[in-house]
Amino acid sequence: MSHLLILLGLVLILLGLFWGPLTRLGLGRLPGDIVIERENFRLCIPVTSAVLVSVALSLLLGLIRLFLGR
C-alpha cells in the first residue's frame, strides 16, 4: 500500500510540473468542458478533457500490459 501511495504522489507531482505545457495543448478548453465565470469567480469542470485523458491512459496501460505479457 505504501508503494502505491508513493507512486500516486510522484504522479501528482509530475502532473503539476507539466500542467503549463498541458494547458497549451488545449486541455480544459475543449467543447464539452464546462466553464462558469462570474465577477470574482471562475469554475472549470473539464468533462471532455477528463474523458480524453482517461481514454489515452487506458490505451497506454493496455499497451504496457500487452508488451509485458500480463
N, C-alpha and C. Protein backbone atom coordinates (compact mmCIF):
# COMPACT_ATOMS: atom_id res chain seq x y z
N MET A 1 0.83 -1.19 0.00
CA MET A 1 0.00 0.00 0.00
C MET A 1 0.87 1.25 0.00
N SER A 2 1.98 1.22 0.74
CA SER A 2 2.83 2.40 0.81
C SER A 2 3.47 2.70 -0.54
N HIS A 3 3.80 1.65 -1.30
CA HIS A 3 4.38 1.87 -2.63
C HIS A 3 3.37 2.55 -3.55
N LEU A 4 2.12 2.16 -3.43
CA LEU A 4 1.07 2.76 -4.26
C LEU A 4 0.90 4.24 -3.93
N LEU A 5 0.93 4.58 -2.66
CA LEU A 5 0.79 5.98 -2.25
C LEU A 5 1.97 6.83 -2.71
N ILE A 6 3.17 6.26 -2.64
CA ILE A 6 4.35 6.98 -3.12
C ILE A 6 4.26 7.19 -4.62
N LEU A 7 3.85 6.17 -5.36
CA LEU A 7 3.69 6.28 -6.80
C LEU A 7 2.63 7.32 -7.15
N LEU A 8 1.52 7.32 -6.44
CA LEU A 8 0.46 8.30 -6.67
C LEU A 8 0.97 9.71 -6.40
N GLY A 9 1.76 9.89 -5.36
CA GLY A 9 2.33 11.20 -5.05
C GLY A 9 3.27 11.67 -6.15
N LEU A 10 4.10 10.77 -6.67
CA LEU A 10 5.01 11.13 -7.76
C LEU A 10 4.26 11.50 -9.02
N VAL A 11 3.18 10.78 -9.30
CA VAL A 11 2.37 11.10 -10.48
C VAL A 11 1.74 12.47 -10.33
N LEU A 12 1.26 12.80 -9.15
CA LEU A 12 0.66 14.12 -8.92
C LEU A 12 1.70 15.22 -9.04
N ILE A 13 2.91 14.97 -8.58
CA ILE A 13 3.98 15.96 -8.71
C ILE A 13 4.31 16.19 -10.18
N LEU A 14 4.43 15.10 -10.94
CA LEU A 14 4.73 15.22 -12.37
C LEU A 14 3.61 15.94 -13.12
N LEU A 15 2.37 15.64 -12.75
CA LEU A 15 1.23 16.32 -13.37
C LEU A 15 1.28 17.81 -13.08
N GLY A 16 1.65 18.18 -11.87
CA GLY A 16 1.77 19.59 -11.51
C GLY A 16 2.88 20.29 -12.28
N LEU A 17 3.99 19.58 -12.50
CA LEU A 17 5.10 20.16 -13.24
C LEU A 17 4.76 20.37 -14.72
N PHE A 18 3.99 19.45 -15.27
CA PHE A 18 3.66 19.53 -16.69
C PHE A 18 2.32 20.21 -16.96
N TRP A 19 1.72 20.82 -15.95
CA TRP A 19 0.40 21.44 -16.12
C TRP A 19 0.45 22.59 -17.12
N GLY A 20 1.51 23.42 -17.07
CA GLY A 20 1.64 24.54 -18.00
C GLY A 20 1.66 24.09 -19.46
N PRO A 21 2.58 23.17 -19.83
CA PRO A 21 2.58 22.70 -21.22
C PRO A 21 1.29 21.96 -21.60
N LEU A 22 0.67 21.27 -20.66
CA LEU A 22 -0.58 20.56 -20.98
C LEU A 22 -1.71 21.54 -21.31
N THR A 23 -1.73 22.69 -20.65
CA THR A 23 -2.80 23.65 -20.93
C THR A 23 -2.61 24.28 -22.32
N ARG A 24 -1.36 24.32 -22.80
CA ARG A 24 -1.13 24.84 -24.15
C ARG A 24 -1.66 23.89 -25.22
N LEU A 25 -1.87 22.62 -24.86
CA LEU A 25 -2.43 21.66 -25.81
C LEU A 25 -3.93 21.84 -25.98
N GLY A 26 -4.55 22.62 -25.13
CA GLY A 26 -5.98 22.86 -25.24
C GLY A 26 -6.81 22.10 -24.24
N LEU A 27 -6.17 21.31 -23.38
CA LEU A 27 -6.93 20.59 -22.37
C LEU A 27 -7.58 21.58 -21.42
N GLY A 28 -8.85 21.37 -21.13
CA GLY A 28 -9.59 22.29 -20.28
C GLY A 28 -10.38 23.32 -21.06
N ARG A 29 -10.17 23.37 -22.37
CA ARG A 29 -10.91 24.32 -23.21
C ARG A 29 -11.55 23.61 -24.39
N LEU A 30 -11.80 22.33 -24.26
CA LEU A 30 -12.41 21.56 -25.34
C LEU A 30 -13.93 21.74 -25.31
N PRO A 31 -14.59 21.50 -26.45
CA PRO A 31 -16.05 21.52 -26.44
C PRO A 31 -16.57 20.44 -25.48
N GLY A 32 -17.46 20.80 -24.62
CA GLY A 32 -17.98 19.87 -23.62
C GLY A 32 -17.43 20.14 -22.24
N ASP A 33 -16.35 20.91 -22.15
CA ASP A 33 -15.84 21.33 -20.85
C ASP A 33 -16.70 22.49 -20.35
N ILE A 34 -17.05 22.44 -19.09
CA ILE A 34 -17.96 23.43 -18.52
C ILE A 34 -17.15 24.52 -17.83
N VAL A 35 -17.39 25.77 -18.19
CA VAL A 35 -16.72 26.91 -17.55
C VAL A 35 -17.80 27.90 -17.13
N ILE A 36 -17.83 28.22 -15.85
CA ILE A 36 -18.77 29.20 -15.31
C ILE A 36 -17.95 30.37 -14.79
N GLU A 37 -18.21 31.55 -15.34
CA GLU A 37 -17.47 32.75 -14.94
C GLU A 37 -18.44 33.78 -14.38
N ARG A 38 -18.09 34.31 -13.23
CA ARG A 38 -18.83 35.40 -12.60
C ARG A 38 -17.85 36.55 -12.36
N GLU A 39 -18.26 37.54 -11.61
CA GLU A 39 -17.40 38.70 -11.35
C GLU A 39 -16.06 38.31 -10.73
N ASN A 40 -16.09 37.70 -9.58
CA ASN A 40 -14.86 37.31 -8.87
C ASN A 40 -14.77 35.80 -8.70
N PHE A 41 -15.28 35.06 -9.67
CA PHE A 41 -15.36 33.62 -9.51
C PHE A 41 -15.26 32.94 -10.87
N ARG A 42 -14.49 31.87 -10.92
CA ARG A 42 -14.39 31.08 -12.15
C ARG A 42 -14.35 29.61 -11.77
N LEU A 43 -15.25 28.81 -12.34
CA LEU A 43 -15.33 27.38 -12.08
C LEU A 43 -15.16 26.63 -13.39
N CYS A 44 -14.17 25.75 -13.44
CA CYS A 44 -13.91 24.96 -14.64
C CYS A 44 -14.17 23.49 -14.30
N ILE A 45 -14.99 22.83 -15.10
CA ILE A 45 -15.25 21.41 -14.96
C ILE A 45 -14.89 20.76 -16.29
N PRO A 46 -13.67 20.21 -16.40
CA PRO A 46 -13.19 19.69 -17.68
C PRO A 46 -13.69 18.28 -17.97
N VAL A 47 -14.96 18.16 -18.33
CA VAL A 47 -15.57 16.86 -18.56
C VAL A 47 -14.93 16.17 -19.77
N THR A 48 -14.90 16.83 -20.91
CA THR A 48 -14.35 16.24 -22.12
C THR A 48 -12.86 15.98 -21.98
N SER A 49 -12.15 16.89 -21.38
CA SER A 49 -10.72 16.70 -21.18
C SER A 49 -10.44 15.49 -20.30
N ALA A 50 -11.24 15.30 -19.26
CA ALA A 50 -11.06 14.16 -18.37
C ALA A 50 -11.32 12.85 -19.09
N VAL A 51 -12.35 12.81 -19.94
CA VAL A 51 -12.65 11.61 -20.72
C VAL A 51 -11.51 11.32 -21.69
N LEU A 52 -11.00 12.35 -22.35
CA LEU A 52 -9.90 12.18 -23.30
C LEU A 52 -8.64 11.67 -22.60
N VAL A 53 -8.29 12.22 -21.46
CA VAL A 53 -7.12 11.76 -20.71
C VAL A 53 -7.34 10.34 -20.22
N SER A 54 -8.54 10.01 -19.78
CA SER A 54 -8.84 8.67 -19.31
C SER A 54 -8.68 7.64 -20.42
N VAL A 55 -9.17 7.95 -21.61
CA VAL A 55 -9.04 7.03 -22.75
C VAL A 55 -7.57 6.86 -23.12
N ALA A 56 -6.82 7.96 -23.15
CA ALA A 56 -5.41 7.89 -23.50
C ALA A 56 -4.63 7.04 -22.48
N LEU A 57 -4.89 7.24 -21.20
CA LEU A 57 -4.19 6.45 -20.18
C LEU A 57 -4.60 4.99 -20.23
N SER A 58 -5.87 4.71 -20.50
CA SER A 58 -6.32 3.32 -20.61
C SER A 58 -5.63 2.62 -21.78
N LEU A 59 -5.51 3.31 -22.91
CA LEU A 59 -4.81 2.73 -24.05
C LEU A 59 -3.34 2.51 -23.74
N LEU A 60 -2.71 3.47 -23.10
CA LEU A 60 -1.30 3.35 -22.75
C LEU A 60 -1.06 2.19 -21.80
N LEU A 61 -1.88 2.08 -20.77
CA LEU A 61 -1.73 0.98 -19.82
C LEU A 61 -2.04 -0.37 -20.46
N GLY A 62 -3.00 -0.40 -21.37
CA GLY A 62 -3.30 -1.63 -22.10
C GLY A 62 -2.12 -2.08 -22.96
N LEU A 63 -1.47 -1.13 -23.62
CA LEU A 63 -0.29 -1.46 -24.42
C LEU A 63 0.86 -1.94 -23.54
N ILE A 64 1.04 -1.31 -22.40
CA ILE A 64 2.10 -1.74 -21.48
C ILE A 64 1.84 -3.16 -21.00
N ARG A 65 0.59 -3.46 -20.64
CA ARG A 65 0.25 -4.81 -20.19
C ARG A 65 0.42 -5.81 -21.31
N LEU A 66 0.11 -5.44 -22.53
CA LEU A 66 0.27 -6.32 -23.68
C LEU A 66 1.73 -6.67 -23.91
N PHE A 67 2.59 -5.65 -23.85
CA PHE A 67 4.02 -5.89 -24.10
C PHE A 67 4.70 -6.60 -22.93
N LEU A 68 4.20 -6.42 -21.71
CA LEU A 68 4.79 -7.11 -20.58
C LEU A 68 4.24 -8.52 -20.41
N GLY A 69 3.16 -8.83 -21.12
CA GLY A 69 2.61 -10.17 -21.10
C GLY A 69 1.80 -10.51 -19.86
N ARG A 70 1.21 -9.54 -19.24
CA ARG A 70 0.40 -9.82 -18.04
C ARG A 70 -1.05 -9.83 -18.37
